[in-house]
C-alpha atoms as a PDB file:
ATOM      1  CA  MET A   1      -0.162  12.393  -7.355  1.00  0.00           C
ATOM      2  CA  PRO A   2       3.394  13.498  -6.901  1.00  0.00           C
ATOM      3  CA  GLU A   3       1.606  16.745  -4.948  1.00  0.00           C
ATOM      4  CA  LEU A   4      -1.243  13.852  -2.714  1.00  0.00           C
ATOM      5  CA  TYR A   5       2.343  11.752  -2.058  1.00  0.00           C
ATOM      6  CA  ALA A   6       4.835  14.408  -1.390  1.00  0.00           C
ATOM      7  CA  SER A   7       1.631  15.526   1.043  1.00  0.00           C
ATOM      8  CA  LEU A   8       1.415  11.987   2.847  1.00  0.00           C
ATOM      9  CA  ALA A   9       4.982  11.844   3.370  1.00  0.00           C
ATOM     10  CA  GLN A  10       5.182  14.522   5.103  1.00  0.00           C
ATOM     11  CA  SER A  11       2.523  13.990   7.563  1.00  0.00           C
ATOM     12  CA  LEU A  12       2.231  10.590   8.211  1.00  0.00           C
ATOM     13  CA  THR A  13       6.553  11.464   9.102  1.00  0.00           C
ATOM     14  CA  HIS A  14       6.940  10.602  12.646  1.00  0.00           C
ATOM     15  CA  LYS A  15       9.006  12.008  15.292  1.00  0.00           C
ATOM     16  CA  THR A  16      10.284  10.698  18.041  1.00  0.00           C
ATOM     17  CA  SER A  17      12.574  12.497  20.435  1.00  0.00           C
ATOM     18  CA  SER A  18      15.662  10.619  19.050  1.00  0.00           C
ATOM     19  CA  GLU A  19      15.107  10.319  15.447  1.00  0.00           C
ATOM     20  CA  THR A  20      12.657  10.947  12.133  1.00  0.00           C
ATOM     21  CA  ILE A  21      11.310   8.605  10.243  1.00  0.00           C
ATOM     22  CA  PRO A  22       9.861   8.909   6.717  1.00  0.00           C
ATOM     23  CA  PRO A  23       6.619   6.793   5.900  1.00  0.00           C
ATOM     24  CA  GLN A  24       8.006   3.463   3.355  1.00  0.00           C
ATOM     25  CA  PHE A  25       6.344   3.704  -0.085  1.00  0.00           C
ATOM     26  CA  ILE A  26       6.277   0.525  -1.358  1.00  0.00           C
ATOM     27  CA  TYR A  27       5.041   0.932  -5.148  1.00  0.00           C
ATOM     28  CA  VAL A  28       3.380  -2.575  -6.410  1.00  0.00           C
ATOM     29  CA  SER A  29       1.999  -3.101 -10.121  1.00  0.00           C
ATOM     30  CA  GLY A  30       0.822  -5.876 -11.963  1.00  0.00           C
ATOM     31  CA  SER A  31       3.204  -3.788 -14.565  1.00  0.00           C
ATOM     32  CA  PRO A  32       4.891  -6.545 -16.190  1.00  0.00           C
ATOM     33  CA  ILE A  33       8.447  -6.373 -15.287  1.00  0.00           C
ATOM     34  CA  GLN A  34       9.617  -5.076 -18.699  1.00  0.00           C
ATOM     35  CA  LEU A  35       8.836  -1.704 -17.309  1.00  0.00           C
ATOM     36  CA  TYR A  36      11.093  -1.696 -14.573  1.00  0.00           C
ATOM     37  CA  PRO A  37      13.761   0.939 -16.021  1.00  0.00           C
ATOM     38  CA  PHE A  38      10.606   3.209 -17.388  1.00  0.00           C
ATOM     39  CA  LEU A  39       8.761   2.865 -13.871  1.00  0.00           C
ATOM     40  CA  THR A  40      11.231   3.482 -11.448  1.00  0.00           C
ATOM     41  CA  SER A  41      13.033   6.023 -13.515  1.00  0.00           C
ATOM     42  CA  PHE A  42       9.021   7.858 -13.801  1.00  0.00           C
ATOM     43  CA  ILE A  43       9.059   7.825  -9.419  1.00  0.00           C
ATOM     44  CA  GLU A  44      12.503   9.016  -9.359  1.00  0.00           C
ATOM     45  CA  THR A  45      11.317  12.341 -11.797  1.00  0.00           C
ATOM     46  CA  LYS A  46       7.968  12.592 -10.530  1.00  0.00           C
ATOM     47  CA  PHE A  47       7.745  11.526  -7.259  1.00  0.00           C
ATOM     48  CA  THR A  48      11.040  12.824  -5.061  1.00  0.00           C
ATOM     49  CA  SER A  49       9.261  13.306  -1.873  1.00  0.00           C
ATOM     50  CA  SER A  50       8.055   9.490  -1.646  1.00  0.00           C
ATOM     51  CA  LEU A  51      10.220   7.135  -3.215  1.00  0.00           C
ATOM     52  CA  GLY A  52      10.398   3.167  -2.890  1.00  0.00           C
ATOM     53  CA  PRO A  53      11.146   0.325  -4.216  1.00  0.00           C
ATOM     54  CA  VAL A  54       9.268  -0.997  -7.252  1.00  0.00           C
ATOM     55  CA  LEU A  55       7.405  -4.577  -7.209  1.00  0.00           C
ATOM     56  CA  LEU A  56       6.464  -5.587  -9.914  1.00  0.00           C
ATOM     57  CA  GLN A  57       4.326  -9.106 -11.814  1.00  0.00           C
ATOM     58  CA  ASN A  58       6.801 -10.857 -11.387  1.00  0.00           C
ATOM     59  CA  PHE A  59       7.880  -9.301  -7.469  1.00  0.00           C
ATOM     60  CA  SER A  60       4.040  -8.922  -6.561  1.00  0.00           C
ATOM     61  CA  PHE A  61       1.683 -10.585  -4.417  1.00  0.00           C
ATOM     62  CA  THR A  62      -1.063 -10.840  -7.369  1.00  0.00           C
ATOM     63  CA  ASP A  63      -0.491 -14.942  -6.769  1.00  0.00           C
ATOM     64  CA  ASP A  64      -0.232 -15.183  -3.134  1.00  0.00           C
ATOM     65  CA  PRO A  65      -1.802 -11.448  -1.290  1.00  0.00           C
ATOM     66  CA  SER A  66       0.156 -12.840   1.875  1.00  0.00           C
ATOM     67  CA  LEU A  67       3.540 -13.241   1.373  1.00  0.00           C
ATOM     68  CA  ILE A  68       4.472  -9.392   0.523  1.00  0.00           C
ATOM     69  CA  MET A  69       2.911  -8.040   3.820  1.00  0.00           C
ATOM     70  CA  ASN A  70       4.055 -10.839   6.061  1.00  0.00           C
ATOM     71  CA  SER A  71       7.781 -10.375   5.045  1.00  0.00           C
ATOM     72  CA  PHE A  72       6.614  -7.304   6.589  1.00  0.00           C
ATOM     73  CA  GLY A  73       5.223  -8.776  10.154  1.00  0.00           C
ATOM     74  CA  ASP A  74       1.772  -8.152  11.700  1.00  0.00           C
ATOM     75  CA  GLY A  75       3.267  -4.714  13.401  1.00  0.00           C
ATOM     76  CA  ARG A  76       2.953  -5.863  16.920  1.00  0.00           C
ATOM     77  CA  ASP A  77       5.498  -8.447  17.325  1.00  0.00           C
ATOM     78  CA  GLY A  78       8.620  -7.518  15.930  1.00  0.00           C
ATOM     79  CA  LYS A  79       9.040  -9.823  12.994  1.00  0.00           C
ATOM     80  CA  GLY A  80       8.871  -9.196   9.473  1.00  0.00           C
ATOM     81  CA  SER A  81      12.644  -6.927   8.459  1.00  0.00           C
ATOM     82  CA  GLY A  82      12.884  -3.868   9.229  1.00  0.00           C
ATOM     83  CA  ASN A  83      15.923  -2.337  11.658  1.00  0.00           C
ATOM     84  CA  GLY A  84      13.795  -2.426  14.720  1.00  0.00           C
ATOM     85  CA  LYS A  85      10.946  -0.445  14.479  1.00  0.00           C
ATOM     86  CA  ILE A  86       8.087  -2.348  13.050  1.00  0.00           C
ATOM     87  CA  GLU A  87       5.715  -1.096  15.998  1.00  0.00           C
ATOM     88  CA  TYR A  88       5.933   2.273  13.431  1.00  0.00           C
ATOM     89  CA  LYS A  89       5.496   0.814  10.549  1.00  0.00           C
ATOM     90  CA  SER A  90       1.925   1.593   8.896  1.00  0.00           C
ATOM     91  CA  PHE A  91       0.144   1.744   5.634  1.00  0.00           C
ATOM     92  CA  LEU A  92      -2.135   3.450   3.452  1.00  0.00           C
ATOM     93  CA  MET A  93      -2.711   1.664   0.191  1.00  0.00           C
ATOM     94  CA  ILE A  94      -3.666   3.508  -2.364  1.00  0.00           C
ATOM     95  CA  GLY A  95      -4.685   1.420  -5.533  1.00  0.00           C
ATOM     96  CA  ASP A  96      -7.504   1.300  -7.830  1.00  0.00           C
ATOM     97  CA  SER A  97     -10.273  -1.172  -9.283  1.00  0.00           C
ATOM     98  CA  THR A  98      -8.648  -1.840 -12.343  1.00  0.00           C
ATOM     99  CA  GLU A  99      -7.377  -6.277 -10.935  1.00  0.00           C
ATOM    100  CA  LYS A 100      -7.725  -7.061  -7.707  1.00  0.00           C
ATOM    101  CA  ASP A 101      -6.216  -4.183  -5.454  1.00  0.00           C
ATOM    102  CA  PRO A 102      -9.502  -3.849  -3.155  1.00  0.00           C
ATOM    103  CA  GLU A 103      -9.485  -7.662  -2.559  1.00  0.00           C
ATOM    104  CA  ILE A 104      -5.632  -7.582  -1.813  1.00  0.00           C
ATOM    105  CA  TYR A 105      -6.011  -4.932   0.978  1.00  0.00           C
ATOM    106  CA  GLY A 106      -8.783  -6.221   1.673  1.00  0.00           C
ATOM    107  CA  ARG A 107      -7.819  -9.280   2.958  1.00  0.00           C
ATOM    108  CA  SER A 108      -4.586  -7.679   4.116  1.00  0.00           C
ATOM    109  CA  TYR A 109      -6.339  -4.797   6.210  1.00  0.00           C
ATOM    110  CA  ASN A 110      -8.577  -8.425   8.024  1.00  0.00           C
ATOM    111  CA  ILE A 111      -5.180 -10.234   8.307  1.00  0.00           C
ATOM    112  CA  HIS A 112      -3.201  -7.419   9.894  1.00  0.00           C
ATOM    113  CA  GLY A 113      -5.277  -5.567  11.589  1.00  0.00           C
ATOM    114  CA  PRO A 114      -6.070  -0.815  11.991  1.00  0.00           C
ATOM    115  CA  ALA A 115      -2.970  -0.497  13.268  1.00  0.00           C
ATOM    116  CA  PHE A 116      -1.453  -1.944  10.172  1.00  0.00           C
ATOM    117  CA  VAL A 117      -3.135  -1.359   7.427  1.00  0.00           C
ATOM    118  CA  ARG A 118      -4.347   2.669   8.789  1.00  0.00           C
ATOM    119  CA  CYS A 119      -6.745   3.144   5.525  1.00  0.00           C
ATOM    120  CA  ILE A 120      -7.124   2.122   1.901  1.00  0.00           C
ATOM    121  CA  TRP A 121      -8.113   4.606  -0.232  1.00  0.00           C
ATOM    122  CA  ILE A 122      -9.506   3.565  -4.294  1.00  0.00           C
ATOM    123  CA  HIS A 123      -9.525   5.269  -7.276  1.00  0.00           C
ATOM    124  CA  VAL A 124     -12.353   3.873  -9.272  1.00  0.00           C
ATOM    125  CA  VAL A 125     -11.427   3.184 -13.558  1.00  0.00           C
ATOM    126  CA  GLU A 126     -13.886   3.862 -15.511  1.00  0.00           C
ATOM    127  CA  GLY A 127     -14.996   0.867 -17.284  1.00  0.00           C
ATOM    128  CA  ALA A 128     -13.861  -2.083 -14.643  1.00  0.00           C
ATOM    129  CA  ASN A 129     -15.876  -4.447 -12.287  1.00  0.00           C
ATOM    130  CA  ASN A 130     -16.895  -1.893  -9.984  1.00  0.00           C
ATOM    131  CA  THR A 131     -20.011  -2.996  -8.620  1.00  0.00           C
ATOM    132  CA  ASP A 132     -21.308  -2.189  -4.762  1.00  0.00           C
ATOM    133  CA  ALA A 133     -20.732  -6.612  -5.103  1.00  0.00           C
ATOM    134  CA  ARG A 134     -17.932  -5.968  -5.682  1.00  0.00           C
ATOM    135  CA  PHE A 135     -16.480  -3.989  -3.036  1.00  0.00           C
ATOM    136  CA  ALA A 136     -18.468  -5.130  -0.493  1.00  0.00           C
ATOM    137  CA  ALA A 137     -17.334  -8.799  -0.607  1.00  0.00           C
ATOM    138  CA  ALA A 138     -13.841  -7.400  -0.781  1.00  0.00           C
ATOM    139  CA  PHE A 139     -13.550  -5.094   2.420  1.00  0.00           C
ATOM    140  CA  LYS A 140     -15.729  -7.076   4.595  1.00  0.00           C
ATOM    141  CA  GLY A 141     -14.544  -7.157   7.556  1.00  0.00           C
ATOM    142  CA  VAL A 142     -12.623  -3.549   6.592  1.00  0.00           C
ATOM    143  CA  PRO A 143     -14.825  -0.586   8.752  1.00  0.00           C
ATOM    144  CA  LYS A 144     -16.148   2.166   6.374  1.00  0.00           C
ATOM    145  CA  GLU A 145     -14.665   4.703   7.424  1.00  0.00           C
ATOM    146  CA  LYS A 146     -10.917   2.978   7.416  1.00  0.00           C
ATOM    147  CA  TYR A 147     -11.523   3.085   2.999  1.00  0.00           C
ATOM    148  CA  SER A 148     -12.779   5.158   0.099  1.00  0.00           C
ATOM    149  CA  VAL A 149     -14.196   3.711  -2.942  1.00  0.00           C
ATOM    150  CA  VAL A 150     -13.722   6.966  -6.166  1.00  0.00           C
END
């Protein structure tokens, strides 16, 4: 994964005539806040080219998927956090099938659109609910070419 994220960081960097804008990596997990020191140390050591904030259970959007996504704006109107460069913010969402990643990412796509959520990758984890019905419901309204479940 560190190599994949490094490649993504390089290929998703947006270059203008005056500046280079790297993608913002945001790590969201259902892990408890007590793991914060371990997880941040792991990311700082293994994911050096894709550093970003780590949002754990108390700060994640487990209860309200729109909470964090709304703080970034909709990618069109300039609202949300950032330095006036909201038009360049878009997300590649990478998650797994163990909890609610497919449902949260599908909902985010349907709320914010294809310019904001570029694509969704879901890793199928053995023992999780990996039924076709679950993924069909989670990605209802999301074009097939915008998500991958592997």
